Amino acid sequence: MLLLQLLLPLLPVSLPLPLLPVSLPLPLLLLLLLLLLLLLLLLLLLYYYYYYYYYYYYYYYYYFYYYYYYYYYYYYYYYFYYYYYTTTTATTTTNYYCYYYYYYYL
């Protein structure tokens, strides 16, 4: 607060001039205002389009990866189920070593 009181006398006394001069005719001012509003609307639409497209894309990206990992673990669920089945029901160790060779070089 003290810093603000010290800096207040350093501010200029006169306010800066407006961006548009007052002497412009009214139709031109309205046209410029309309163009400015259209520009703002365009920027807003682009922002919302980018925002929703970005999250829509990443939603399906993670959706794809969800299903990718779902099928990945689904595959390995059946893979380890097959591994358990072959190691517990095999009469020889040949099936186990062949399966380990398949697992190692997969």
N, C-alpha and C. Protein backbone atom coordinates (compact mmCIF):
# COMPACT_ATOMS: atom_id res chain seq x y z
N MET A 1 0.83 -1.20 0.00
CA MET A 1 0.00 0.00 0.00
C MET A 1 0.88 1.27 0.00
N LEU A 2 1.94 1.23 0.76
CA LEU A 2 2.84 2.37 0.81
C LEU A 2 3.53 2.57 -0.54
N LEU A 3 3.84 1.46 -1.19
CA LEU A 3 4.46 1.55 -2.51
C LEU A 3 3.50 2.18 -3.53
N LEU A 4 2.23 1.84 -3.43
CA LEU A 4 1.24 2.43 -4.32
C LEU A 4 1.10 3.93 -4.08
N GLN A 5 1.14 4.36 -2.83
CA GLN A 5 1.06 5.79 -2.52
C GLN A 5 2.29 6.53 -3.02
N LEU A 6 3.42 5.86 -3.02
CA LEU A 6 4.63 6.50 -3.53
C LEU A 6 4.63 6.59 -5.05
N LEU A 7 4.00 5.62 -5.73
CA LEU A 7 4.01 5.61 -7.18
C LEU A 7 2.88 6.42 -7.80
N LEU A 8 1.87 6.76 -7.06
CA LEU A 8 0.75 7.52 -7.61
C LEU A 8 1.15 8.89 -8.16
N PRO A 9 2.03 9.67 -7.50
CA PRO A 9 2.42 10.96 -8.09
C PRO A 9 3.22 10.83 -9.39
N LEU A 10 3.79 9.66 -9.64
CA LEU A 10 4.58 9.48 -10.85
C LEU A 10 3.71 9.19 -12.08
N LEU A 11 2.44 8.83 -11.86
CA LEU A 11 1.55 8.56 -12.98
C LEU A 11 1.23 9.83 -13.75
N PRO A 12 1.03 9.72 -15.06
CA PRO A 12 0.70 10.93 -15.82
C PRO A 12 -0.67 11.47 -15.45
N VAL A 13 -0.80 12.76 -15.56
CA VAL A 13 -2.05 13.41 -15.16
C VAL A 13 -3.12 13.20 -16.22
N SER A 14 -2.76 13.32 -17.47
CA SER A 14 -3.75 13.18 -18.53
C SER A 14 -3.89 11.71 -18.92
N LEU A 15 -5.10 11.31 -19.21
CA LEU A 15 -5.35 9.95 -19.66
C LEU A 15 -4.95 9.80 -21.12
N PRO A 16 -4.57 8.62 -21.55
CA PRO A 16 -4.21 8.45 -22.98
C PRO A 16 -5.43 8.62 -23.87
N LEU A 17 -5.16 8.98 -25.09
CA LEU A 17 -6.24 9.19 -26.06
C LEU A 17 -6.88 7.85 -26.41
N PRO A 18 -8.17 7.85 -26.75
CA PRO A 18 -8.80 6.59 -27.13
C PRO A 18 -8.25 6.08 -28.46
N LEU A 19 -8.47 4.79 -28.71
CA LEU A 19 -7.93 4.19 -29.93
C LEU A 19 -8.63 4.73 -31.17
N LEU A 20 -9.95 4.91 -31.10
CA LEU A 20 -10.70 5.44 -32.23
C LEU A 20 -10.99 6.91 -32.01
N PRO A 21 -10.77 7.71 -32.98
CA PRO A 21 -11.13 9.13 -32.80
C PRO A 21 -12.64 9.30 -32.80
N VAL A 22 -13.08 10.32 -32.14
CA VAL A 22 -14.51 10.59 -32.01
C VAL A 22 -15.08 11.15 -33.32
N SER A 23 -14.24 11.68 -34.15
CA SER A 23 -14.73 12.35 -35.36
C SER A 23 -15.14 11.38 -36.48
N LEU A 24 -15.01 10.08 -36.29
CA LEU A 24 -15.44 9.14 -37.32
C LEU A 24 -16.96 9.14 -37.43
N PRO A 25 -17.50 8.92 -38.62
CA PRO A 25 -18.95 8.88 -38.76
C PRO A 25 -19.54 7.66 -38.07
N LEU A 26 -20.77 7.75 -37.73
CA LEU A 26 -21.44 6.69 -36.98
C LEU A 26 -21.52 5.37 -37.76
N PRO A 27 -21.85 5.35 -39.06
CA PRO A 27 -21.86 4.05 -39.76
C PRO A 27 -20.51 3.36 -39.79
N LEU A 28 -19.44 4.15 -39.91
CA LEU A 28 -18.12 3.55 -39.90
C LEU A 28 -17.77 3.00 -38.52
N LEU A 29 -18.16 3.70 -37.48
CA LEU A 29 -17.95 3.20 -36.13
C LEU A 29 -18.72 1.90 -35.89
N LEU A 30 -19.96 1.86 -36.37
CA LEU A 30 -20.76 0.65 -36.21
C LEU A 30 -20.18 -0.51 -37.02
N LEU A 31 -19.68 -0.21 -38.19
CA LEU A 31 -19.05 -1.25 -39.00
C LEU A 31 -17.79 -1.79 -38.33
N LEU A 32 -16.99 -0.90 -37.79
CA LEU A 32 -15.79 -1.35 -37.07
C LEU A 32 -16.15 -2.16 -35.83
N LEU A 33 -17.18 -1.74 -35.15
CA LEU A 33 -17.63 -2.50 -33.99
C LEU A 33 -18.16 -3.87 -34.38
N LEU A 34 -18.88 -3.93 -35.47
CA LEU A 34 -19.38 -5.21 -35.97
C LEU A 34 -18.24 -6.13 -36.39
N LEU A 35 -17.25 -5.58 -37.06
CA LEU A 35 -16.08 -6.38 -37.44
C LEU A 35 -15.31 -6.88 -36.22
N LEU A 36 -15.22 -6.04 -35.23
CA LEU A 36 -14.56 -6.46 -34.00
C LEU A 36 -15.33 -7.57 -33.31
N LEU A 37 -16.63 -7.45 -33.27
CA LEU A 37 -17.44 -8.51 -32.67
C LEU A 37 -17.35 -9.81 -33.46
N LEU A 38 -17.34 -9.70 -34.78
CA LEU A 38 -17.18 -10.91 -35.59
C LEU A 38 -15.82 -11.56 -35.38
N LEU A 39 -14.82 -10.76 -35.24
CA LEU A 39 -13.49 -11.29 -34.97
C LEU A 39 -13.45 -12.00 -33.62
N LEU A 40 -14.04 -11.39 -32.63
CA LEU A 40 -14.09 -12.02 -31.31
C LEU A 40 -14.90 -13.33 -31.34
N LEU A 41 -15.98 -13.31 -32.09
CA LEU A 41 -16.78 -14.53 -32.23
C LEU A 41 -15.99 -15.63 -32.93
N LEU A 42 -15.26 -15.26 -33.95
CA LEU A 42 -14.43 -16.24 -34.64
C LEU A 42 -13.35 -16.81 -33.73
N LEU A 43 -12.72 -15.96 -32.97
CA LEU A 43 -11.71 -16.44 -32.03
C LEU A 43 -12.31 -17.34 -30.97
N LEU A 44 -13.49 -16.98 -30.51
CA LEU A 44 -14.17 -17.82 -29.52
C LEU A 44 -14.54 -19.18 -30.10
N LEU A 45 -15.03 -19.18 -31.32
CA LEU A 45 -15.37 -20.45 -31.96
C LEU A 45 -14.14 -21.31 -32.22
N LEU A 46 -13.08 -20.68 -32.63
CA LEU A 46 -11.84 -21.44 -32.82
C LEU A 46 -11.31 -22.00 -31.51
N TYR A 47 -11.42 -21.23 -30.46
CA TYR A 47 -10.97 -21.70 -29.15
C TYR A 47 -11.79 -22.91 -28.70
N TYR A 48 -13.12 -22.80 -28.81
CA TYR A 48 -13.96 -23.92 -28.37
C TYR A 48 -13.81 -25.13 -29.29
N TYR A 49 -13.63 -24.88 -30.57
CA TYR A 49 -13.40 -26.00 -31.48
C TYR A 49 -12.10 -26.71 -31.13
N TYR A 50 -11.04 -25.96 -30.90
CA TYR A 50 -9.76 -26.57 -30.52
C TYR A 50 -9.88 -27.29 -29.19
N TYR A 51 -10.55 -26.66 -28.23
CA TYR A 51 -10.67 -27.25 -26.90
C TYR A 51 -11.42 -28.57 -26.96
N TYR A 52 -12.58 -28.60 -27.62
CA TYR A 52 -13.36 -29.82 -27.66
C TYR A 52 -12.73 -30.85 -28.58
N TYR A 53 -12.13 -30.42 -29.67
CA TYR A 53 -11.46 -31.37 -30.55
C TYR A 53 -10.27 -32.00 -29.83
N TYR A 54 -9.54 -31.18 -29.07
CA TYR A 54 -8.37 -31.69 -28.34
C TYR A 54 -8.80 -32.75 -27.33
N TYR A 55 -9.80 -32.45 -26.52
CA TYR A 55 -10.23 -33.42 -25.52
C TYR A 55 -11.00 -34.57 -26.14
N TYR A 56 -11.70 -34.33 -27.24
CA TYR A 56 -12.37 -35.41 -27.95
C TYR A 56 -11.33 -36.39 -28.50
N TYR A 57 -10.26 -35.83 -29.07
CA TYR A 57 -9.20 -36.69 -29.59
C TYR A 57 -8.52 -37.46 -28.47
N TYR A 58 -8.22 -36.81 -27.38
CA TYR A 58 -7.54 -37.51 -26.31
C TYR A 58 -8.47 -38.46 -25.58
N TYR A 59 -9.77 -38.19 -25.60
CA TYR A 59 -10.70 -39.15 -25.03
C TYR A 59 -10.65 -40.45 -25.82
N TYR A 60 -10.67 -40.33 -27.14
CA TYR A 60 -10.60 -41.53 -27.94
C TYR A 60 -9.20 -42.11 -27.95
N TYR A 61 -8.20 -41.29 -27.73
CA TYR A 61 -6.84 -41.80 -27.60
C TYR A 61 -6.74 -42.69 -26.37
N TYR A 62 -7.22 -42.19 -25.24
CA TYR A 62 -7.17 -43.01 -24.03
C TYR A 62 -8.19 -44.14 -24.09
N TYR A 63 -9.28 -43.92 -24.81
CA TYR A 63 -10.25 -44.98 -25.02
C TYR A 63 -9.61 -46.12 -25.81
N PHE A 64 -8.85 -45.73 -26.83
CA PHE A 64 -8.13 -46.73 -27.62
C PHE A 64 -7.10 -47.43 -26.74
N TYR A 65 -6.37 -46.66 -25.95
CA TYR A 65 -5.38 -47.30 -25.11
C TYR A 65 -6.02 -48.11 -24.00
N TYR A 66 -7.19 -47.71 -23.56
CA TYR A 66 -7.90 -48.53 -22.58
C TYR A 66 -8.21 -49.89 -23.19
N TYR A 67 -8.74 -49.85 -24.42
CA TYR A 67 -9.04 -51.12 -25.05
C TYR A 67 -7.78 -51.84 -25.49
N TYR A 68 -6.74 -51.09 -25.80
CA TYR A 68 -5.46 -51.74 -26.13
C TYR A 68 -4.94 -52.48 -24.90
N TYR A 69 -4.93 -51.82 -23.76
CA TYR A 69 -4.45 -52.49 -22.57
C TYR A 69 -5.44 -53.53 -22.08
N TYR A 70 -6.71 -53.29 -22.37
CA TYR A 70 -7.68 -54.30 -22.00
C TYR A 70 -7.41 -55.60 -22.77
N TYR A 71 -7.20 -55.47 -24.07
CA TYR A 71 -6.90 -56.66 -24.85
C TYR A 71 -5.50 -57.16 -24.56
N TYR A 72 -4.62 -56.26 -24.18
CA TYR A 72 -3.26 -56.67 -23.83
C TYR A 72 -3.30 -57.56 -22.59
N TYR A 73 -3.97 -57.09 -21.55
CA TYR A 73 -4.05 -57.90 -20.35
C TYR A 73 -4.97 -59.10 -20.54
N TYR A 74 -5.96 -58.95 -21.40
CA TYR A 74 -6.83 -60.07 -21.72
C TYR A 74 -6.02 -61.17 -22.41
N TYR A 75 -5.13 -60.74 -23.30
CA TYR A 75 -4.25 -61.70 -23.97
C TYR A 75 -3.33 -62.36 -22.96
N TYR A 76 -2.74 -61.55 -22.08
CA TYR A 76 -1.83 -62.15 -21.11
C TYR A 76 -2.57 -62.92 -20.04
N TYR A 77 -3.82 -62.60 -19.81
CA TYR A 77 -4.60 -63.42 -18.89
C TYR A 77 -4.74 -64.83 -19.46
N TYR A 78 -5.11 -64.90 -20.72
CA TYR A 78 -5.21 -66.21 -21.33
C TYR A 78 -3.83 -66.82 -21.57
N TYR A 79 -2.84 -65.97 -21.74
CA TYR A 79 -1.48 -66.46 -21.92
C TYR A 79 -0.99 -67.15 -20.66
N PHE A 80 -1.18 -66.51 -19.52
CA PHE A 80 -0.75 -67.14 -18.28
C PHE A 80 -1.68 -68.28 -17.88
N TYR A 81 -2.92 -68.17 -18.28
CA TYR A 81 -3.81 -69.30 -18.06
C TYR A 81 -3.31 -70.51 -18.85
N TYR A 82 -2.89 -70.30 -20.06
CA TYR A 82 -2.34 -71.37 -20.88
C TYR A 82 -1.02 -71.86 -20.30
N TYR A 83 -0.23 -70.95 -19.79
CA TYR A 83 1.04 -71.32 -19.16
C TYR A 83 0.79 -72.20 -17.94
N TYR A 84 -0.16 -71.84 -17.12
CA TYR A 84 -0.48 -72.64 -15.94
C TYR A 84 -1.02 -74.00 -16.36
N TYR A 85 -1.85 -74.02 -17.37
CA TYR A 85 -2.45 -75.26 -17.82
C TYR A 85 -1.40 -76.20 -18.40
N THR A 86 -0.45 -75.67 -19.15
CA THR A 86 0.56 -76.54 -19.76
C THR A 86 1.59 -77.00 -18.74
N THR A 87 1.89 -76.20 -17.74
CA THR A 87 2.90 -76.63 -16.77
C THR A 87 2.32 -77.60 -15.75
N THR A 88 1.03 -77.50 -15.47
CA THR A 88 0.46 -78.40 -14.47
C THR A 88 -0.02 -79.71 -15.07
N THR A 89 -0.36 -79.72 -16.34
CA THR A 89 -0.88 -80.95 -16.94
C THR A 89 0.14 -81.66 -17.83
N ALA A 90 1.32 -81.05 -18.03
CA ALA A 90 2.31 -81.69 -18.90
C ALA A 90 2.95 -82.87 -18.18
N THR A 91 3.14 -83.94 -18.91
CA THR A 91 3.77 -85.12 -18.33
C THR A 91 5.28 -85.02 -18.41
N THR A 92 5.79 -84.24 -19.37
CA THR A 92 7.25 -84.05 -19.49
C THR A 92 7.57 -82.57 -19.37
N THR A 93 8.83 -82.27 -19.26
CA THR A 93 9.26 -80.87 -19.16
C THR A 93 9.51 -80.26 -20.53
N THR A 94 9.33 -81.02 -21.59
CA THR A 94 9.59 -80.49 -22.93
C THR A 94 8.60 -79.38 -23.27
N ASN A 95 7.35 -79.57 -22.90
CA ASN A 95 6.33 -78.57 -23.18
C ASN A 95 6.64 -77.27 -22.44
N TYR A 96 7.13 -77.37 -21.21
CA TYR A 96 7.48 -76.18 -20.44
C TYR A 96 8.61 -75.41 -21.10
N TYR A 97 9.66 -76.10 -21.56
CA TYR A 97 10.79 -75.41 -22.17
C TYR A 97 10.42 -74.83 -23.54
N CYS A 98 9.59 -75.53 -24.29
CA CYS A 98 9.14 -74.97 -25.56
C CYS A 98 8.30 -73.73 -25.32
N TYR A 99 7.50 -73.78 -24.29
CA TYR A 99 6.66 -72.62 -24.00
C TYR A 99 7.50 -71.46 -23.47
N TYR A 100 8.53 -71.73 -22.68
CA TYR A 100 9.43 -70.68 -22.20
C TYR A 100 10.18 -70.06 -23.39
N TYR A 101 10.58 -70.89 -24.35
CA TYR A 101 11.24 -70.37 -25.54
C TYR A 101 10.29 -69.44 -26.32
N TYR A 102 9.04 -69.83 -26.39
CA TYR A 102 8.04 -68.99 -27.06
C TYR A 102 7.83 -67.68 -26.30
N TYR A 103 7.78 -67.73 -24.97
CA TYR A 103 7.59 -66.54 -24.15
C TYR A 103 8.79 -65.60 -24.25
N TYR A 104 10.00 -66.16 -24.27
CA TYR A 104 11.20 -65.34 -24.27
C TYR A 104 11.39 -64.61 -25.60
N TYR A 105 11.05 -65.22 -26.68
CA TYR A 105 11.25 -64.61 -27.99
C TYR A 105 9.98 -64.02 -28.58
N LEU A 106 8.98 -63.80 -27.77
CA LEU A 106 7.72 -63.21 -28.25
C LEU A 106 7.87 -61.73 -28.52
